[in-house]
Structures are given as structure tokens and as C-alpha cells.
C-alpha atoms as a PDB file:
ATOM      1  CA  MET A   1       0.000   0.000   0.000  1.00  0.00           C
ATOM      2  CA  SER A   2       1.470   3.366  -1.019  1.00  0.00           C
ATOM      3  CA  LEU A   3       1.003   6.540   0.996  1.00  0.00           C
ATOM      4  CA  GLY A   4      -0.066   9.729  -0.769  1.00  0.00           C
ATOM      5  CA  PRO A   5       1.203  13.247   0.000  1.00  0.00           C
ATOM      6  CA  LYS A   6      -1.809  13.907   2.264  1.00  0.00           C
ATOM      7  CA  GLU A   7      -1.550  10.689   4.252  1.00  0.00           C
ATOM      8  CA  GLN A   8       2.178  10.950   5.001  1.00  0.00           C
ATOM      9  CA  PRO A   9       2.053  14.130   7.180  1.00  0.00           C
ATOM     10  CA  PHE A  10      -1.026  12.799   8.941  1.00  0.00           C
ATOM     11  CA  LEU A  11       0.590   9.500   9.833  1.00  0.00           C
ATOM     12  CA  LYS A  12       3.761  11.278  10.880  1.00  0.00           C
ATOM     13  CA  ARG A  13       1.806  13.452  13.351  1.00  0.00           C
ATOM     14  CA  ARG A  14       0.042  10.388  14.711  1.00  0.00           C
ATOM     15  CA  LEU A  15       3.332   8.625  15.255  1.00  0.00           C
ATOM     16  CA  GLU A  16       4.856  11.662  16.969  1.00  0.00           C
ATOM     17  CA  GLU A  17       1.974  12.252  19.385  1.00  0.00           C
ATOM     18  CA  SER A  18       2.741  11.980  23.073  1.00  0.00           C
ATOM     19  CA  SER A  19       0.696   8.805  23.257  1.00  0.00           C
ATOM     20  CA  GLN A  20       3.184   7.189  20.878  1.00  0.00           C
ATOM     21  CA  VAL A  21       6.520   5.847  22.072  1.00  0.00           C
ATOM     22  CA  THR A  22       9.630   7.840  21.185  1.00  0.00           C
ATOM     23  CA  THR A  23      12.089   6.675  18.580  1.00  0.00           C
ATOM     24  CA  ARG A  24      14.639   5.702  21.221  1.00  0.00           C
ATOM     25  CA  ARG A  25      12.072   3.973  23.397  1.00  0.00           C
ATOM     26  CA  SER A  26      10.838   1.975  20.413  1.00  0.00           C
ATOM     27  CA  ILE A  27      14.297   0.608  19.710  1.00  0.00           C
ATOM     28  CA  ASP A  28      15.357   0.066  23.318  1.00  0.00           C
ATOM     29  CA  ALA A  29      12.112  -1.672  24.108  1.00  0.00           C
ATOM     30  CA  LEU A  30      12.714  -4.517  21.673  1.00  0.00           C
ATOM     31  CA  PRO A  31      12.394  -7.715  23.716  1.00  0.00           C
ATOM     32  CA  PRO A  32      15.818  -9.310  24.236  1.00  0.00           C
ATOM     33  CA  TYR A  33      14.798 -12.498  22.444  1.00  0.00           C
ATOM     34  CA  VAL A  34      13.721 -10.459  19.390  1.00  0.00           C
ATOM     35  CA  ASP A  35      16.954  -8.463  19.476  1.00  0.00           C
ATOM     36  CA  SER A  36      19.011 -11.658  19.729  1.00  0.00           C
ATOM     37  CA  PHE A  37      16.972 -13.402  17.017  1.00  0.00           C
ATOM     38  CA  LEU A  38      17.502 -10.551  14.549  1.00  0.00           C
ATOM     39  CA  ALA A  39      21.239 -10.513  15.285  1.00  0.00           C
ATOM     40  CA  HIS A  40      21.423 -14.253  14.621  1.00  0.00           C
ATOM     41  CA  LEU A  41      19.579 -13.765  11.323  1.00  0.00           C
ATOM     42  CA  ARG A  42      22.148 -11.170  10.283  1.00  0.00           C
ATOM     43  CA  LEU A  43      24.780 -13.931  10.543  1.00  0.00           C
ATOM     44  CA  LEU A  44      22.609 -16.481   8.683  1.00  0.00           C
ATOM     45  CA  VAL A  45      21.887 -18.530  11.818  1.00  0.00           C
ATOM     46  CA  GLY A  46      18.738 -20.511  11.150  1.00  0.00           C
ATOM     47  CA  VAL A  47      18.718 -19.787   7.419  1.00  0.00           C
ATOM     48  CA  PRO A  48      18.090 -23.037   5.474  1.00  0.00           C
ATOM     49  CA  PHE A  49      21.283 -24.317   3.897  1.00  0.00           C
ATOM     50  CA  HIS A  50      19.751 -24.653   0.427  1.00  0.00           C
ATOM     51  CA  TYR A  51      19.315 -20.863   0.414  1.00  0.00           C
ATOM     52  CA  LEU A  52      23.105 -20.544   0.770  1.00  0.00           C
ATOM     53  CA  VAL A  53      24.119 -23.403  -1.533  1.00  0.00           C
ATOM     54  CA  PRO A  54      21.226 -24.193  -3.894  1.00  0.00           C
ATOM     55  CA  ASP A  55      23.017 -27.088  -5.595  1.00  0.00           C
ATOM     56  CA  ALA A  56      25.446 -29.618  -4.091  1.00  0.00           C
ATOM     57  CA  ARG A  57      27.726 -29.252  -7.114  1.00  0.00           C
ATOM     58  CA  LEU A  58      28.528 -25.709  -5.985  1.00  0.00           C
ATOM     59  CA  LEU A  59      30.236 -27.155  -2.901  1.00  0.00           C
ATOM     60  CA  PRO A  60      31.730 -30.539  -3.834  1.00  0.00           C
ATOM     61  CA  GLU A  61      33.538 -32.817  -1.398  1.00  0.00           C
ATOM     62  CA  GLY A  62      36.953 -31.476  -0.418  1.00  0.00           C
ATOM     63  CA  ALA A  63      36.157 -27.907  -1.505  1.00  0.00           C
ATOM     64  CA  VAL A  64      36.366 -24.530   0.198  1.00  0.00           C
ATOM     65  CA  ARG A  65      34.490 -21.452  -1.021  1.00  0.00           C
ATOM     66  CA  PHE A  66      35.224 -17.878   0.056  1.00  0.00           C
ATOM     67  CA  PHE A  67      32.523 -15.220  -0.165  1.00  0.00           C
ATOM     68  CA  TYR A  68      31.285 -11.772   0.834  1.00  0.00           C
ATOM     69  CA  LEU A  69      28.095 -11.557   2.889  1.00  0.00           C
ATOM     70  CA  ASP A  70      25.556  -9.327   1.139  1.00  0.00           C
ATOM     71  CA  ARG A  71      24.303  -6.854   3.744  1.00  0.00           C
ATOM     72  CA  SER A  72      21.260  -6.099   1.626  1.00  0.00           C
ATOM     73  CA  PHE A  73      20.295  -9.782   1.737  1.00  0.00           C
ATOM     74  CA  THR A  74      20.570  -9.959   5.540  1.00  0.00           C
ATOM     75  CA  ASP A  75      18.665  -6.683   5.943  1.00  0.00           C
ATOM     76  CA  ARG A  76      15.843  -8.199   3.903  1.00  0.00           C
ATOM     77  CA  LEU A  77      15.893 -11.179   6.263  1.00  0.00           C
ATOM     78  CA  VAL A  78      15.312  -8.774   9.146  1.00  0.00           C
ATOM     79  CA  ASP A  79      12.532  -7.020   7.190  1.00  0.00           C
ATOM     80  CA  GLY A  80      10.870 -10.361   6.596  1.00  0.00           C
ATOM     81  CA  ALA A  81      11.003 -11.237  10.278  1.00  0.00           C
ATOM     82  CA  LEU A  82       9.457  -7.876  11.209  1.00  0.00           C
ATOM     83  CA  ALA A  83       6.820  -8.112   8.481  1.00  0.00           C
ATOM     84  CA  VAL A  84       4.662 -10.241  10.745  1.00  0.00           C
ATOM     85  CA  GLY A  85       3.597  -7.031  12.511  1.00  0.00           C
ATOM     86  CA  LYS A  86       2.830  -5.038   9.359  1.00  0.00           C
ATOM     87  CA  ILE A  87      -0.923  -5.479   9.221  1.00  0.00           C
ATOM     88  CA  GLY A  88      -1.865  -1.971   8.159  1.00  0.00           C
ATOM     89  CA  SER A  89      -0.573   1.328   6.819  1.00  0.00           C
ATOM     90  CA  ARG A  90       0.067   2.671  10.322  1.00  0.00           C
ATOM     91  CA  GLU A  91       2.291  -0.304  11.240  1.00  0.00           C
ATOM     92  CA  ILE A  92       4.096  -0.072   7.895  1.00  0.00           C
ATOM     93  CA  ALA A  93       4.846   3.614   8.436  1.00  0.00           C
ATOM     94  CA  HIS A  94       5.946   2.942  12.006  1.00  0.00           C
ATOM     95  CA  THR A  95       8.324   0.192  10.882  1.00  0.00           C
ATOM     96  CA  GLN A  96       9.752   2.348   8.107  1.00  0.00           C
ATOM     97  CA  SER A  97      10.391   5.251  10.452  1.00  0.00           C
ATOM     98  CA  HIS A  98      12.370   2.998  12.806  1.00  0.00           C
ATOM     99  CA  ALA A  99      14.163   0.928  10.164  1.00  0.00           C
ATOM    100  CA  GLY A 100      17.454   2.767  10.683  1.00  0.00           C
ATOM    101  CA  GLY A 101      17.370   2.269  14.432  1.00  0.00           C
ATOM    102  CA  VAL A 102      16.536  -1.415  14.093  1.00  0.00           C
ATOM    103  CA  GLN A 103      19.449  -1.848  11.699  1.00  0.00           C
ATOM    104  CA  ARG A 104      21.890  -0.073  14.026  1.00  0.00           C
ATOM    105  CA  ASN A 105      20.630  -2.176  16.898  1.00  0.00           C
ATOM    106  CA  ALA A 106      21.227  -5.391  14.924  1.00  0.00           C
ATOM    107  CA  ASP A 107      24.672  -4.123  13.881  1.00  0.00           C
ATOM    108  CA  ASP A 108      25.608  -3.832  17.543  1.00  0.00           C
ATOM    109  CA  SER A 109      24.023  -7.116  18.631  1.00  0.00           C
ATOM    110  CA  GLU A 110      25.575  -9.294  15.933  1.00  0.00           C
ATOM    111  CA  THR A 111      28.982  -8.980  17.614  1.00  0.00           C
ATOM    112  CA  LEU A 112      27.564 -10.907  20.597  1.00  0.00           C
ATOM    113  CA  VAL A 113      26.259 -13.895  18.654  1.00  0.00           C
ATOM    114  CA  ARG A 114      29.455 -15.961  18.874  1.00  0.00           C
ATOM    115  CA  ASP A 115      29.754 -15.359  22.610  1.00  0.00           C
ATOM    116  CA  LEU A 116      26.140 -16.442  23.041  1.00  0.00           C
ATOM    117  CA  GLN A 117      26.686 -19.585  20.995  1.00  0.00           C
ATOM    118  CA  ARG A 118      29.803 -20.516  22.967  1.00  0.00           C
ATOM    119  CA  ARG A 119      28.085 -19.637  26.260  1.00  0.00           C
ATOM    120  CA  ARG A 120      30.737 -17.069  27.115  1.00  0.00           C
ATOM    121  CA  THR A 121      27.872 -14.624  27.634  1.00  0.00           C
ATOM    122  CA  ARG A 122      25.030 -15.674  29.900  1.00  0.00           C
ATOM    123  CA  ASP A 123      23.204 -12.371  30.299  1.00  0.00           C
ATOM    124  CA  PHE A 124      22.566 -10.895  26.847  1.00  0.00           C
ATOM    125  CA  VAL A 125      20.919  -7.702  28.144  1.00  0.00           C
ATOM    126  CA  ALA A 126      23.638  -6.907  30.688  1.00  0.00           C
ATOM    127  CA  THR A 127      26.404  -7.563  28.178  1.00  0.00           C
ATOM    128  CA  LYS A 128      24.761  -5.474  25.465  1.00  0.00           C
ATOM    129  CA  HIS A 129      24.355  -2.440  27.732  1.00  0.00           C
ATOM    130  CA  ASP A 130      27.806  -2.778  29.312  1.00  0.00           C
ATOM    131  CA  ALA A 131      29.388   0.655  28.966  1.00  0.00           C
ATOM    132  CA  GLY A 132      32.866  -0.868  28.789  1.00  0.00           C
ATOM    133  CA  ARG A 133      32.090  -3.185  25.882  1.00  0.00           C
ATOM    134  CA  PRO A 134      33.929  -2.169  22.691  1.00  0.00           C
ATOM    135  CA  ARG A 135      31.611  -1.040  19.907  1.00  0.00           C
ATOM    136  CA  SER A 136      32.357  -0.483  16.241  1.00  0.00           C
ATOM    137  CA  GLU A 137      30.528   0.321  13.044  1.00  0.00           C
ATOM    138  CA  ALA A 138      29.202  -2.645  11.116  1.00  0.00           C
ATOM    139  CA  GLY A 139      31.581  -3.300   8.252  1.00  0.00           C
ATOM    140  CA  THR A 140      32.147  -5.825   5.517  1.00  0.00           C
ATOM    141  CA  ILE A 141      31.610  -9.455   6.475  1.00  0.00           C
ATOM    142  CA  THR A 142      33.436 -12.211   4.626  1.00  0.00           C
ATOM    143  CA  GLY A 143      33.404 -15.924   5.182  1.00  0.00           C
ATOM    144  CA  LEU A 144      34.098 -19.406   3.980  1.00  0.00           C
ATOM    145  CA  LEU A 145      32.242 -22.666   3.511  1.00  0.00           C
ATOM    146  CA  LEU A 146      34.322 -25.819   3.890  1.00  0.00           C
ATOM    147  CA  ARG A 147      33.113 -29.278   2.933  1.00  0.00           C
ATOM    148  CA  SER A 148      35.688 -31.828   3.950  1.00  0.00           C
ATOM    149  CA  GLY A 149      36.383 -34.811   6.157  1.00  0.00           C
ATOM    150  CA  LEU A 150      38.589 -32.461   8.176  1.00  0.00           C
ATOM    151  CA  VAL A 151      35.441 -30.954   9.716  1.00  0.00           C
ATOM    152  CA  SER A 152      34.523 -34.208  11.441  1.00  0.00           C
ATOM    153  CA  GLY A 153      38.108 -35.442  11.774  1.00  0.00           C
ATOM    154  CA  TRP A 154      39.200 -32.261  13.554  1.00  0.00           C
ATOM    155  CA  PRO A 155      36.079 -31.123  15.454  1.00  0.00           C
ATOM    156  CA  HIS A 156      38.123 -28.448  17.237  1.00  0.00           C
ATOM    157  CA  MET A 157      39.984 -27.231  14.162  1.00  0.00           C
ATOM    158  CA  GLU A 158      41.165 -23.640  14.447  1.00  0.00           C
ATOM    159  CA  VAL A 159      40.280 -21.162  11.706  1.00  0.00           C
ATOM    160  CA  ARG A 160      41.888 -17.719  11.696  1.00  0.00           C
ATOM    161  CA  ALA A 161      41.598 -14.787   9.314  1.00  0.00           C
ATOM    162  CA  LEU A 162      44.329 -12.157   9.182  1.00  0.00           C
ATOM    163  CA  ARG A 163      44.705  -8.783   7.554  1.00  0.00           C
ATOM    164  CA  ASN A 164      48.208  -7.302   7.414  1.00  0.00           C
ATOM    165  CA  GLY A 165      49.217  -9.704  10.161  1.00  0.00           C
ATOM    166  CA  GLU A 166      46.383  -8.683  12.506  1.00  0.00           C
ATOM    167  CA  GLN A 167      43.760 -11.302  13.340  1.00  0.00           C
ATOM    168  CA  LEU A 168      40.184 -10.402  12.395  1.00  0.00           C
ATOM    169  CA  THR A 169      37.253 -11.027  14.705  1.00  0.00           C
ATOM    170  CA  THR A 170      35.438 -14.295  14.062  1.00  0.00           C
ATOM    171  CA  LEU A 171      31.707 -13.535  14.121  1.00  0.00           C
ATOM    172  CA  ARG A 172      30.490 -17.083  13.589  1.00  0.00           C
ATOM    173  CA  MET A 173      32.061 -20.523  13.354  1.00  0.00           C
ATOM    174  CA  GLU A 174      29.675 -23.457  13.245  1.00  0.00           C
ATOM    175  CA  ARG A 175      29.404 -26.959  11.870  1.00  0.00           C
ATOM    176  CA  LEU A 176      26.296 -27.173   9.699  1.00  0.00           C
ATOM    177  CA  SER A 177      26.713 -30.930   9.227  1.00  0.00           C
ATOM    178  CA  PRO A 178      29.396 -33.511  10.029  1.00  0.00           C
ATOM    179  CA  SER A 179      31.357 -32.401   6.953  1.00  0.00           C
ATOM    180  CA  VAL A 180      30.337 -28.748   6.373  1.00  0.00           C
ATOM    181  CA  LEU A 181      31.724 -25.773   8.278  1.00  0.00           C
ATOM    182  CA  ILE A 182      30.751 -22.109   7.954  1.00  0.00           C
ATOM    183  CA  VAL A 183      32.919 -19.269   9.280  1.00  0.00           C
ATOM    184  CA  LEU A 184      32.205 -15.525   9.127  1.00  0.00           C
ATOM    185  CA  PHE A 185      34.819 -12.812   9.694  1.00  0.00           C
ATOM    186  CA  ASP A 186      34.509  -9.128  10.486  1.00  0.00           C
ATOM    187  CA  GLY A 187      36.535  -7.646   7.637  1.00  0.00           C
ATOM    188  CA  VAL A 188      38.332  -8.721   4.476  1.00  0.00           C
ATOM    189  CA  PRO A 189      41.337 -11.000   5.155  1.00  0.00           C
ATOM    190  CA  ASP A 190      44.431 -11.427   3.025  1.00  0.00           C
ATOM    191  CA  ARG A 191      45.261 -14.735   4.718  1.00  0.00           C
ATOM    192  CA  VAL A 192      43.095 -17.500   6.170  1.00  0.00           C
ATOM    193  CA  GLU A 193      44.626 -20.340   8.192  1.00  0.00           C
ATOM    194  CA  LEU A 194      43.103 -23.732   8.939  1.00  0.00           C
ATOM    195  CA  GLU A 195      45.055 -25.479  11.651  1.00  0.00           C
ATOM    196  CA  GLU A 196      44.946 -28.809  13.425  1.00  0.00           C
ATOM    197  CA  PRO A 197      43.835 -28.363  17.061  1.00  0.00           C
ATOM    198  CA  HIS A 198      46.548 -28.018  19.705  1.00  0.00           C
ATOM    199  CA  HIS A 199      45.563 -30.923  21.936  1.00  0.00           C
ATOM    200  CA  GLY A 200      48.781 -31.909  23.625  1.00  0.00           C
ATOM    201  CA  VAL A 201      52.295 -32.320  22.302  1.00  0.00           C
ATOM    202  CA  GLN A 202      52.777 -34.715  19.392  1.00  0.00           C
ATOM    203  CA  PHE A 203      56.004 -36.325  18.258  1.00  0.00           C
ATOM    204  CA  GLY A 204      56.771 -37.970  14.952  1.00  0.00           C
ATOM    205  CA  VAL A 205      58.817 -38.042  11.780  1.00  0.00           C
ATOM    206  CA  ASP A 206      58.031 -36.997   8.237  1.00  0.00           C
ATOM    207  CA  GLY A 207      58.188 -38.747   4.901  1.00  0.00           C
ATOM    208  CA  THR A 208      57.319 -42.251   3.749  1.00  0.00           C
ATOM    209  CA  PRO A 209      58.238 -45.654   5.288  1.00  0.00           C
ATOM    210  CA  SER A 210      61.051 -46.018   2.775  1.00  0.00           C
ATOM    211  CA  ALA A 211      62.496 -42.573   3.526  1.00  0.00           C
ATOM    212  CA  TYR A 212      61.559 -41.201   6.950  1.00  0.00           C
ATOM    213  CA  ARG A 213      63.218 -37.927   7.915  1.00  0.00           C
ATOM    214  CA  ALA A 214      63.427 -35.541  10.862  1.00  0.00           C
ATOM    215  CA  PHE A 215      64.186 -31.809  10.814  1.00  0.00           C
ATOM    216  CA  LEU A 216      66.996 -30.087  12.625  1.00  0.00           C
ATOM    217  CA  ARG A 217      65.592 -27.355  14.857  1.00  0.00           C
ATOM    218  CA  ARG A 218      66.635 -24.296  16.809  1.00  0.00           C
ATOM    219  CA  PRO A 219      66.070 -24.027  20.584  1.00  0.00           C
ATOM    220  CA  ASN A 220      62.699 -22.267  19.998  1.00  0.00           C
ATOM    221  CA  GLY A 221      61.484 -25.090  17.720  1.00  0.00           C
ATOM    222  CA  GLU A 222      61.985 -23.345  14.374  1.00  0.00           C
ATOM    223  CA  GLN A 223      63.487 -25.412  11.597  1.00  0.00           C
ATOM    224  CA  VAL A 224      67.136 -24.781  10.743  1.00  0.00           C
ATOM    225  CA  ARG A 225      67.244 -23.743   7.101  1.00  0.00           C
ATOM    226  CA  VAL A 226      69.846 -23.347   4.425  1.00  0.00           C
ATOM    227  CA  GLY A 227      68.292 -20.754   2.168  1.00  0.00           C
ATOM    228  CA  ASN A 228      64.635 -21.773   2.052  1.00  0.00           C
ATOM    229  CA  ASP A 229      65.217 -25.495   2.508  1.00  0.00           C
ATOM    230  CA  PRO A 230      65.032 -27.176   5.926  1.00  0.00           C
ATOM    231  CA  VAL A 231      67.928 -29.318   7.098  1.00  0.00           C
ATOM    232  CA  GLU A 232      66.736 -32.917   6.950  1.00  0.00           C
ATOM    233  CA  VAL A 233      68.170 -35.845   8.891  1.00  0.00           C
ATOM    234  CA  PRO A 234      67.435 -39.364   7.535  1.00  0.00           C
ATOM    235  CA  VAL A 235      65.737 -41.529  10.157  1.00  0.00           C
ATOM    236  CA  PRO A 236      67.240 -45.021  10.511  1.00  0.00           C
ATOM    237  CA  GLN A 237      65.086 -48.086  11.103  1.00  0.00           C
ATOM    238  CA  ARG A 238      65.815 -51.370  12.794  1.00  0.00           C
ATOM    239  CA  VAL A 239      66.302 -54.460  10.691  1.00  0.00           C
ATOM    240  CA  GLY A 240      63.317 -56.643   9.961  1.00  0.00           C
ATOM    241  CA  GLY A 241      61.239 -54.305   7.803  1.00  0.00           C
ATOM    242  CA  ARG A 242      58.691 -53.551  10.543  1.00  0.00           C
ATOM    243  CA  ARG A 243      59.132 -49.769  10.432  1.00  0.00           C
ATOM    244  CA  VAL A 244      60.603 -49.602  13.936  1.00  0.00           C
ATOM    245  CA  LEU A 245      62.826 -46.553  14.398  1.00  0.00           C
ATOM    246  CA  HIS A 246      66.375 -46.995  15.628  1.00  0.00           C
ATOM    247  CA  MET A 247      66.314 -44.260  18.289  1.00  0.00           C
ATOM    248  CA  ALA A 248      69.949 -44.559  19.387  1.00  0.00           C
ATOM    249  CA  ALA A 249      71.194 -44.208  15.805  1.00  0.00           C
ATOM    250  CA  LEU A 250      68.760 -41.336  15.172  1.00  0.00           C
ATOM    251  CA  ARG A 251      70.021 -39.508  18.266  1.00  0.00           C
ATOM    252  CA  GLN A 252      73.597 -39.889  17.022  1.00  0.00           C
ATOM    253  CA  ARG A 253      72.681 -38.559  13.554  1.00  0.00           C
ATOM    254  CA  LEU A 254      70.952 -35.530  15.038  1.00  0.00           C
ATOM    255  CA  HIS A 255      73.995 -34.844  17.210  1.00  0.00           C
ATOM    256  CA  GLU A 256      76.287 -35.007  14.166  1.00  0.00           C
ATOM    257  CA  ALA A 257      74.004 -32.676  12.193  1.00  0.00           C
ATOM    258  CA  ARG A 258      73.905 -30.153  15.061  1.00  0.00           C
ATOM    259  CA  SER A 259      77.684 -29.905  15.098  1.00  0.00           C
ATOM    260  CA  THR A 260      77.668 -28.457  11.548  1.00  0.00           C
ATOM    261  CA  HIS A 261      74.976 -25.798  12.160  1.00  0.00           C
ATOM    262  CA  ALA A 262      75.677 -23.154  14.779  1.00  0.00           C
ATOM    263  CA  THR A 263      72.024 -22.069  15.059  1.00  0.00           C
ATOM    264  CA  ALA A 264      70.763 -25.561  15.899  1.00  0.00           C
ATOM    265  CA  ILE A 265      70.002 -26.542  19.462  1.00  0.00           C
ATOM    266  CA  GLN A 266      73.275 -27.683  21.031  1.00  0.00           C
ATOM    267  CA  GLN A 267      71.831 -29.606  23.946  1.00  0.00           C
ATOM    268  CA  SER A 268      72.494 -33.335  23.608  1.00  0.00           C
ATOM    269  CA  GLY A 269      70.005 -34.710  26.141  1.00  0.00           C
ATOM    270  CA  PRO A 270      66.392 -35.929  25.817  1.00  0.00           C
ATOM    271  CA  GLY A 271      65.103 -32.353  25.526  1.00  0.00           C
ATOM    272  CA  SER A 272      67.019 -31.861  22.297  1.00  0.00           C
ATOM    273  CA  LEU A 273      65.667 -35.118  20.887  1.00  0.00           C
ATOM    274  CA  ALA A 274      62.121 -34.122  21.831  1.00  0.00           C
ATOM    275  CA  ILE A 275      62.412 -30.757  20.081  1.00  0.00           C
ATOM    276  CA  SER A 276      63.873 -32.403  16.972  1.00  0.00           C
ATOM    277  CA  LEU A 277      60.960 -34.860  16.799  1.00  0.00           C
ATOM    278  CA  LEU A 278      58.281 -32.304  17.611  1.00  0.00           C
ATOM    279  CA  ASN A 279      55.378 -32.706  15.196  1.00  0.00           C
ATOM    280  CA  PRO A 280      53.612 -29.313  15.067  1.00  0.00           C
ATOM    281  CA  PRO A 281      49.918 -29.032  14.187  1.00  0.00           C
ATOM    282  CA  TYR A 282      49.256 -29.207  10.464  1.00  0.00           C
ATOM    283  CA  GLN A 283      48.351 -25.844   8.967  1.00  0.00           C
ATOM    284  CA  GLN A 284      46.801 -25.034   5.578  1.00  0.00           C
ATOM    285  CA  PRO A 285      47.000 -21.329   4.668  1.00  0.00           C
ATOM    286  CA  PHE A 286      44.998 -19.581   1.961  1.00  0.00           C
ATOM    287  CA  GLU A 287      46.377 -16.182   1.074  1.00  0.00           C
ATOM    288  CA  GLY A 288      46.360 -13.414  -1.487  1.00  0.00           C
ATOM    289  CA  ALA A 289      43.634 -12.145  -3.763  1.00  0.00           C
ATOM    290  CA  GLY A 290      45.202 -12.784  -7.133  1.00  0.00           C
ATOM    291  CA  GLU A 291      48.295 -10.639  -6.732  1.00  0.00           C
ATOM    292  CA  ALA A 292      51.773 -12.056  -7.194  1.00  0.00           C
ATOM    293  CA  PRO A 293      53.059 -13.828  -4.077  1.00  0.00           C
ATOM    294  CA  SER A 294      55.617 -11.910  -2.070  1.00  0.00           C
ATOM    295  CA  GLY A 295      57.787 -14.991  -1.536  1.00  0.00           C
ATOM    296  CA  PRO A 296      57.789 -17.994   0.788  1.00  0.00           C
ATOM    297  CA  THR A 297      57.223 -17.441   4.470  1.00  0.00           C
ATOM    298  CA  HIS A 298      58.078 -19.864   7.212  1.00  0.00           C
ATOM    299  CA  PRO A 299      56.464 -18.950  10.541  1.00  0.00           C
ATOM    300  CA  PRO A 300      57.674 -20.940  13.576  1.00  0.00           C
ATOM    301  CA  LEU A 301      56.584 -24.573  13.747  1.00  0.00           C
ATOM    302  CA  HIS A 302      54.608 -24.490  10.498  1.00  0.00           C
ATOM    303  CA  ASN A 303      54.269 -27.878   8.898  1.00  0.00           C
ATOM    304  CA  PRO A 304      56.506 -27.930   5.791  1.00  0.00           C
ATOM    305  CA  LYS A 305      53.861 -29.923   3.921  1.00  0.00           C
ATOM    306  CA  ALA A 306      51.357 -27.056   4.072  1.00  0.00           C
ATOM    307  CA  VAL A 307      51.071 -25.515   0.602  1.00  0.00           C
ATOM    308  CA  PRO A 308      49.666 -21.958   0.395  1.00  0.00           C
ATOM    309  CA  GLU A 309      46.621 -21.594  -1.828  1.00  0.00           C
ATOM    310  CA  ARG A 310      45.685 -18.202  -3.215  1.00  0.00           C
ATOM    311  CA  VAL A 311      42.115 -17.320  -2.358  1.00  0.00           C
ATOM    312  CA  ALA A 312      41.299 -16.037  -5.829  1.00  0.00           C
ATOM    313  CA  ARG A 313      42.350 -19.335  -7.391  1.00  0.00           C
ATOM    314  CA  ARG A 314      39.734 -21.134  -5.338  1.00  0.00           C
ATOM    315  CA  VAL A 315      37.014 -18.579  -5.979  1.00  0.00           C
ATOM    316  CA  GLU A 316      37.572 -18.037  -9.697  1.00  0.00           C
ATOM    317  CA  ASP A 317      36.719 -21.587 -10.759  1.00  0.00           C
ATOM    318  CA  VAL A 318      36.010 -21.502 -14.514  1.00  0.00           C
ATOM    319  CA  GLN A 319      34.223 -24.849 -14.587  1.00  0.00           C
ATOM    320  CA  LEU A 320      32.138 -23.945 -11.560  1.00  0.00           C
ATOM    321  CA  THR A 321      31.140 -20.633 -13.174  1.00  0.00           C
ATOM    322  CA  ARG A 322      30.192 -22.430 -16.391  1.00  0.00           C
ATOM    323  CA  ARG A 323      28.015 -24.970 -14.539  1.00  0.00           C
ATOM    324  CA  LEU A 324      26.362 -22.197 -12.558  1.00  0.00           C
ATOM    325  CA  LEU A 325      25.496 -20.245 -15.730  1.00  0.00           C
ATOM    326  CA  LEU A 326      24.047 -23.387 -17.293  1.00  0.00           C
ATOM    327  CA  PHE A 327      22.057 -24.033 -14.126  1.00  0.00           C
ATOM    328  CA  LEU A 328      20.610 -20.508 -14.335  1.00  0.00           C
ATOM    329  CA  GLY A 329      19.793 -20.932 -18.018  1.00  0.00           C
ATOM    330  CA  LYS A 330      22.318 -18.324 -19.109  1.00  0.00           C
ATOM    331  CA  GLU A 331      24.276 -18.466 -22.354  1.00  0.00           C
ATOM    332  CA  VAL A 332      27.799 -19.800 -21.950  1.00  0.00           C
ATOM    333  CA  ASN A 333      30.637 -18.557 -24.128  1.00  0.00           C
ATOM    334  CA  ASP A 334      33.098 -21.435 -24.475  1.00  0.00           C
ATOM    335  CA  GLY A 335      35.618 -19.167 -26.157  1.00  0.00           C
END
């Protein structure tokens, strides 16, 4: 229903009468469960998965997809939730006049969703009105969808997004199924890291049964490198072909390798052996946005098997784009 030039001033006066609630009162008086529900909607909590991925071929097994969250789409979700009260022109005008306040309120509340989900916040109202709580303008939200056996294999897998070395706030991280994970970040990252959970100290060697190897390390656990290549020490095995490591011979080889590298740990006891056999959590980084890589980086304790993947390479999938256009009935130019 559209409002004419005569009806608009009339409705505005009615809404501004003393018997009507003020603009601030209208927003502050939102019931906490409504406020929380709208904030969850803004982060797609409760939105059916087929609205996010309409066809399983868009997210095949072993795939990760990076995306921007369309604020217009989430605002329409909020409008749809509030539409239940729009039963007449007066309610429509009232909702329109307070749309900006409702949006700002949801912008502020969406930062509390992750704490509510992880039960780090018990009292939503007290936390929201805490004067010492940091507040910021709602910005760009990015995210990823991961479909992989890693989701169930590593239920406590760590996912971090970084921008210029600074970690971005994780707004939502949730398993949608045993093999599908969704993560939303506050901002646009230039590096995303998926890392095996840090549950205790693990020891081991690298390579295959026919060629196991250990890495010479510094006292802080970093690999000793010559140029960009780590210093490898072949791991001996006992006779019999049962893949049993010969620890005494391995200890002697590590000691001999340390004597030729001044930066390596010089201790010869069990602590040195433990550091040399330390098996750090596996990490898979995704970085860049299509620009040329700046060169290899080797943060401390990173698994040497982790191969950086540029985000744009995963997003700009030609075959996926072609299938999507065909699915939508669009013309595909094979040239």
C-alpha cells in the first residue's frame, strides 16, 4: 500500500503524538529475544542451507568457497522477520520510520552472537548495555564454507583470518553438518589459516616408510634452514622391515648434524631429541587475492607440507562458473 502526500504528514503526526513511544524507546524496548533473534539472522543462523548453496555441485567434497556476505540480503531477512507485525498502513509507516534504528541495533548485537553460541555470555541484556564493551561500526563481512572430512576429523579445528598480520574477529564458526563448516569474519582477510587443534604435544617423523626424515631445529622449535630449505636428517630403522625406528642411531645422527649448524640446538640430552621430533599441528593457509606472491614465508613450527593456496584461485573456478550459468539458463561462451 502506497502513501499519498496527504496521508504521510497525517501518519507522521500520529506517530509523533505523546501517546506514541519515542524513537529511542521503540528501539530500546525490543524484547531481548527479538533483538538476539535478529542478530542471529544477520549472521545467517537458522537460514536453510539450500538458500546458501542451492546445488550440491557448488560445494563438492573437499572444496572450500570464500565469499562476501551481502548486507542487503541480511537486511531483507530482518525485514521479513518484522513483516509479521505489518498489518496496516500505520504499522508499515511505524516500521519504516524505525528501520534505521533497528538496523543499528542489529549491527551492535551481531557482535555478541558468537559469545552467546559458545556460552561465554550468559546475560545478553547486561552484556549489550555494558558501557565498557567495545563497539564499532558494522563493516564488511566475509566468510568461507568448507566441505571436507577435516570438519569431522578435527572437530576443534582452528580457523583464523588475518589482515596485514592482525587477526580479524570471528563472528560465527559453526558446523552445519558432520562435513560442512561455515565461518564468518569481520573484515576482508588477506590470509586464512586452517590449523589442526593443539591438543597436547605430538612427536613424529616426516616422509614415507622407505624414507623417513626428521628436521633439525633451533632451541625455539623453528626449523634450521639453508636458504629456504630445511635441514633434513634421515631416520634409521631397525632391521626386519617392521618400520621400527632406531632411536639410538637417530640420536647420534641428530647430534652429528647439530655440530655443523651453529644455530641448531646444542643440547644433547632428551630435551634436544624431543624438540627435533616435535610434530607441530598441520596448517593449511589460503592467502592473497590474485596478486603475485611476495615470496615464501616460514612462521615458527609451520608444517613444511602445508602448501599456500591463493584465495582467488579457489574462488575463480572456470568450470564452476560455467556450470552455474548453465544451471541458471544463461548463455555460456566457451571461447
